[in-house]
Amino acid sequence: MKRFKTAALAAGLAAFAAYSAQAADFNLKGWYIGADVGQSHYGQKGDGLDGAFASRGFSSSSSIDTNDTGWGLDVGYQFNKWFAVEGGYIDLGKFDFASNLPSSAPGAMSGRVKSEGARLTAVGIIPLDHGFSLYGKAGIANLRTKLEASNSAGQDLGSSHNHTGGTFGVGATYDITKAISARVGWDRFMNANDNVNTGKADIDLVSAGLVYRF
């Protein structure tokens, strides 16, 4: 029995060592691509839009649907198990709105706000046991935000704005295989819009996706 326990313990330690070595292999440096999809959230409830319309001489009271679907595609390079750099395309969704206008401006106004663009971030990684890891990232995003707006009289009140601002986020990954990982995360895009043209707001994205290493 004592020999059996010793053999079982040795086998268990060997299996654990093999698993640990395999898990460590999952954190090799190299190129990867990632795709994520989730829910985006517009960080204003209409005040920002009212500010943009006020700059054009309209007094309005606006409400906006603050949630939509967002997604992104990234290409990255992992230098070691603690650090990576990635960049790619991000679509933060389309947010429908409606605005009431005074009698001096004919009809109500409606439309949507949409933001998309490119981002570049540095990623700090904390490896955990059994293929899990945590990450935090920060960088810049160049977003084009378009305000599509018109009233019932057919007046086009839309505009667009390009802005480069900060972005940061946190998340977690799980290595399914050496080549494929699953990840979940939260990202914030700061001042995606501006006060004058499209209504100032931060936009958040909570997403899940896959990473493929090659």
Protein backbone atom coordinates (compact mmCIF):
# COMPACT_ATOMS: atom_id res chain seq x y z
CA MET A 1 0.00 0.00 0.00
CA LYS A 2 2.84 2.36 0.87
CA ARG A 3 4.48 1.70 -2.51
CA PHE A 4 1.12 2.27 -4.21
CA LYS A 5 0.69 5.64 -2.48
CA THR A 6 4.24 6.61 -3.40
CA ALA A 7 3.68 5.62 -7.03
CA ALA A 8 0.35 7.45 -7.12
CA LEU A 9 1.93 10.58 -5.64
CA ALA A 10 4.79 10.40 -8.16
CA ALA A 11 2.32 9.96 -11.01
CA GLY A 12 0.27 12.90 -9.74
CA LEU A 13 3.32 15.14 -9.49
CA ALA A 14 4.42 14.11 -12.96
CA ALA A 15 0.97 14.87 -14.37
CA PHE A 16 0.91 18.24 -12.63
CA ALA A 17 4.37 19.07 -13.95
CA ALA A 18 3.35 18.09 -17.47
CA TYR A 19 0.17 20.18 -17.22
CA SER A 20 2.10 23.16 -15.85
CA ALA A 21 4.63 22.89 -18.66
CA GLN A 22 1.82 22.70 -21.20
CA ALA A 23 0.07 25.71 -19.65
CA ALA A 24 3.35 27.64 -19.78
CA ASP A 25 3.73 26.75 -23.45
CA PHE A 26 0.41 28.50 -24.12
CA ASN A 27 2.05 31.84 -23.30
CA LEU A 28 4.61 31.82 -26.08
CA LYS A 29 5.54 35.03 -27.83
CA GLY A 30 4.40 35.68 -31.39
CA TRP A 31 1.66 37.08 -33.60
CA TYR A 32 -2.06 36.67 -32.99
CA ILE A 33 -5.40 37.86 -34.29
CA GLY A 34 -8.53 38.45 -32.26
CA ALA A 35 -12.24 39.04 -32.87
CA ASP A 36 -14.70 40.30 -30.26
CA VAL A 37 -18.40 41.18 -30.15
CA GLY A 38 -20.57 42.54 -27.35
CA GLN A 39 -22.67 45.40 -26.06
CA SER A 40 -21.63 49.01 -26.44
CA HIS A 41 -22.93 51.77 -24.18
CA TYR A 42 -23.23 55.46 -25.06
CA GLY A 43 -22.25 57.54 -22.05
CA GLN A 44 -24.79 60.36 -22.43
CA LYS A 45 -28.58 60.41 -22.16
CA GLY A 46 -29.17 63.22 -24.62
CA ASP A 47 -27.48 66.22 -23.03
CA GLY A 48 -24.49 65.96 -25.32
CA LEU A 49 -26.69 65.97 -28.41
CA ASP A 50 -28.59 69.01 -27.15
CA GLY A 51 -25.25 70.78 -26.83
CA ALA A 52 -24.35 69.94 -30.43
CA PHE A 53 -27.74 71.15 -31.72
CA ALA A 54 -27.46 74.33 -29.63
CA SER A 55 -24.24 75.18 -31.48
CA ARG A 56 -26.39 75.25 -34.64
CA GLY A 57 -29.08 77.44 -33.14
CA PHE A 58 -31.61 74.76 -32.11
CA SER A 59 -32.97 74.39 -28.61
CA SER A 60 -33.79 70.71 -28.19
CA SER A 61 -34.67 68.06 -25.63
CA SER A 62 -33.18 64.75 -26.72
CA SER A 63 -33.31 61.13 -25.63
CA ILE A 64 -31.07 58.39 -26.96
CA ASP A 65 -30.99 54.60 -26.97
CA THR A 66 -27.72 54.14 -25.12
CA ASN A 67 -27.06 50.45 -25.95
CA ASP A 68 -26.17 48.70 -29.20
CA THR A 69 -23.92 45.96 -30.56
CA GLY A 70 -20.21 46.67 -30.97
CA TRP A 71 -17.38 44.57 -32.33
CA GLY A 72 -13.70 44.66 -33.11
CA LEU A 73 -10.87 42.96 -35.01
CA ASP A 74 -7.29 43.08 -33.75
CA VAL A 75 -3.79 42.01 -34.77
CA GLY A 76 -1.21 41.80 -32.01
CA TYR A 77 2.26 40.67 -31.10
CA GLN A 78 3.04 39.13 -27.70
CA PHE A 79 6.65 39.78 -26.70
CA ASN A 80 6.55 37.54 -23.63
CA LYS A 81 3.97 36.22 -21.20
CA TRP A 82 3.62 39.65 -19.56
CA PHE A 83 3.41 42.13 -22.44
CA ALA A 84 1.84 42.56 -25.88
CA VAL A 85 0.94 45.31 -28.34
CA GLU A 86 -2.16 45.18 -30.51
CA GLY A 87 -4.05 47.34 -32.96
CA GLY A 88 -7.12 47.04 -35.11
CA TYR A 89 -10.56 48.18 -36.15
CA ILE A 90 -13.43 48.88 -33.76
CA ASP A 91 -17.13 49.49 -34.48
CA LEU A 92 -18.89 50.92 -31.44
CA GLY A 93 -22.41 50.65 -32.80
CA LYS A 94 -25.28 52.90 -33.80
CA PHE A 95 -27.36 54.76 -31.21
CA ASP A 96 -30.82 55.97 -32.25
CA PHE A 97 -32.14 59.23 -30.82
CA ALA A 98 -35.20 61.49 -30.91
CA SER A 99 -35.36 65.22 -30.15
CA ASN A 100 -38.21 67.62 -29.51
CA LEU A 101 -37.77 71.05 -31.08
CA PRO A 102 -39.54 74.34 -30.28
CA SER A 103 -42.29 75.66 -32.52
CA SER A 104 -39.81 77.94 -34.28
CA ALA A 105 -38.21 74.82 -35.82
CA PRO A 106 -40.68 72.66 -37.78
CA GLY A 107 -41.27 69.12 -36.58
CA ALA A 108 -39.44 66.72 -34.35
CA MET A 109 -35.96 65.49 -35.13
CA SER A 110 -34.55 61.96 -35.15
CA GLY A 111 -31.51 60.05 -36.32
CA ARG A 112 -28.55 58.11 -35.01
CA VAL A 113 -24.99 58.49 -33.76
CA LYS A 114 -22.39 55.96 -34.88
CA SER A 115 -18.68 55.63 -34.12
CA GLU A 116 -15.98 53.50 -35.71
CA GLY A 117 -12.25 53.67 -36.21
CA ALA A 118 -8.85 52.28 -35.30
CA ARG A 119 -7.07 51.69 -31.99
CA LEU A 120 -3.53 50.92 -30.81
CA THR A 121 -2.91 49.65 -27.28
CA ALA A 122 -0.20 48.26 -25.02
CA VAL A 123 -1.34 45.19 -23.09
CA GLY A 124 -0.02 44.15 -19.68
CA ILE A 125 -0.68 40.50 -18.80
CA ILE A 126 -0.80 38.66 -15.46
CA PRO A 127 -0.53 34.88 -16.07
CA LEU A 128 -2.53 32.69 -13.66
CA ASP A 129 -2.77 28.93 -13.18
CA HIS A 130 -4.47 26.45 -15.51
CA GLY A 131 -4.36 28.62 -18.64
CA PHE A 132 -6.09 31.69 -17.18
CA SER A 133 -4.68 35.21 -17.29
CA LEU A 134 -5.76 38.76 -16.55
CA TYR A 135 -4.89 41.78 -18.64
CA GLY A 136 -5.07 45.55 -18.64
CA LYS A 137 -4.51 47.76 -21.65
CA ALA A 138 -4.20 51.42 -22.54
CA GLY A 139 -3.56 53.37 -25.71
CA ILE A 140 -5.13 55.64 -28.30
CA ALA A 141 -8.12 55.39 -30.64
CA ASN A 142 -8.85 57.42 -33.74
CA LEU A 143 -12.63 57.41 -34.16
CA ARG A 144 -14.90 58.85 -36.80
CA THR A 145 -18.27 59.71 -35.28
CA LYS A 146 -21.18 60.54 -37.55
CA LEU A 147 -24.37 62.25 -36.44
CA GLU A 148 -27.23 61.51 -38.83
CA ALA A 149 -30.13 63.86 -38.08
CA SER A 150 -33.11 65.36 -39.89
CA ASN A 151 -36.47 66.88 -38.96
CA SER A 152 -39.89 66.33 -40.48
CA ALA A 153 -39.37 69.31 -42.78
CA GLY A 154 -36.51 67.46 -44.48
CA GLN A 155 -33.69 69.59 -43.11
CA ASP A 156 -30.41 67.71 -42.84
CA LEU A 157 -28.89 68.56 -39.46
CA GLY A 158 -26.18 65.91 -39.47
CA SER A 159 -22.45 66.30 -39.08
CA SER A 160 -19.33 64.23 -38.44
CA HIS A 161 -16.17 64.46 -36.39
CA ASN A 162 -12.77 62.72 -36.28
CA HIS A 163 -11.12 62.50 -32.89
CA THR A 164 -8.00 60.86 -31.45
CA GLY A 165 -8.38 60.14 -27.75
CA GLY A 166 -7.47 57.72 -25.02
CA THR A 167 -8.76 54.21 -24.55
CA PHE A 168 -8.22 51.68 -21.78
CA GLY A 169 -9.66 48.37 -20.64
CA VAL A 170 -9.38 45.24 -18.51
CA GLY A 171 -10.27 41.61 -19.05
CA ALA A 172 -9.45 37.93 -18.71
CA THR A 173 -8.40 35.15 -21.09
CA TYR A 174 -8.46 31.37 -21.01
CA ASP A 175 -6.15 29.26 -23.19
CA ILE A 176 -8.28 26.57 -24.80
CA THR A 177 -5.35 25.22 -26.78
CA LYS A 178 -1.86 26.45 -27.55
CA ALA A 179 -3.26 28.32 -30.56
CA ILE A 180 -6.74 29.39 -29.42
CA SER A 181 -7.83 31.45 -26.41
CA ALA A 182 -11.17 32.83 -25.28
CA ARG A 183 -11.37 36.29 -23.75
CA VAL A 184 -13.84 38.68 -22.13
CA GLY A 185 -13.22 42.35 -21.54
CA TRP A 186 -14.40 45.87 -20.90
CA ASP A 187 -13.06 48.86 -22.86
CA ARG A 188 -13.69 52.57 -22.60
CA PHE A 189 -13.20 55.04 -25.44
CA MET A 190 -12.84 58.51 -23.97
CA ASN A 191 -14.46 61.57 -25.58
CA ALA A 192 -15.41 59.63 -28.69
CA ASN A 193 -17.50 62.62 -29.78
CA ASP A 194 -17.15 66.38 -29.46
CA ASN A 195 -19.34 69.13 -28.02
CA VAL A 196 -19.92 71.07 -31.23
CA ASN A 197 -20.51 68.50 -33.97
CA THR A 198 -21.76 65.22 -32.54
CA GLY A 199 -22.31 65.61 -28.78
CA LYS A 200 -19.55 64.74 -26.34
CA ALA A 201 -19.66 61.25 -24.78
CA ASP A 202 -17.52 58.33 -23.67
CA ILE A 203 -18.44 54.94 -25.15
CA ASP A 204 -17.95 51.62 -23.34
CA LEU A 205 -17.79 48.14 -24.86
CA VAL A 206 -18.27 44.88 -22.93
CA SER A 207 -17.32 42.01 -25.22
CA ALA A 208 -16.30 38.38 -25.59
CA GLY A 209 -14.23 36.81 -28.33
CA LEU A 210 -11.51 34.48 -29.52
CA VAL A 211 -7.78 34.86 -30.12
CA TYR A 212 -5.80 32.76 -32.60
CA ARG A 213 -2.00 32.58 -32.34
CA PHE A 214 0.13 31.80 -35.40
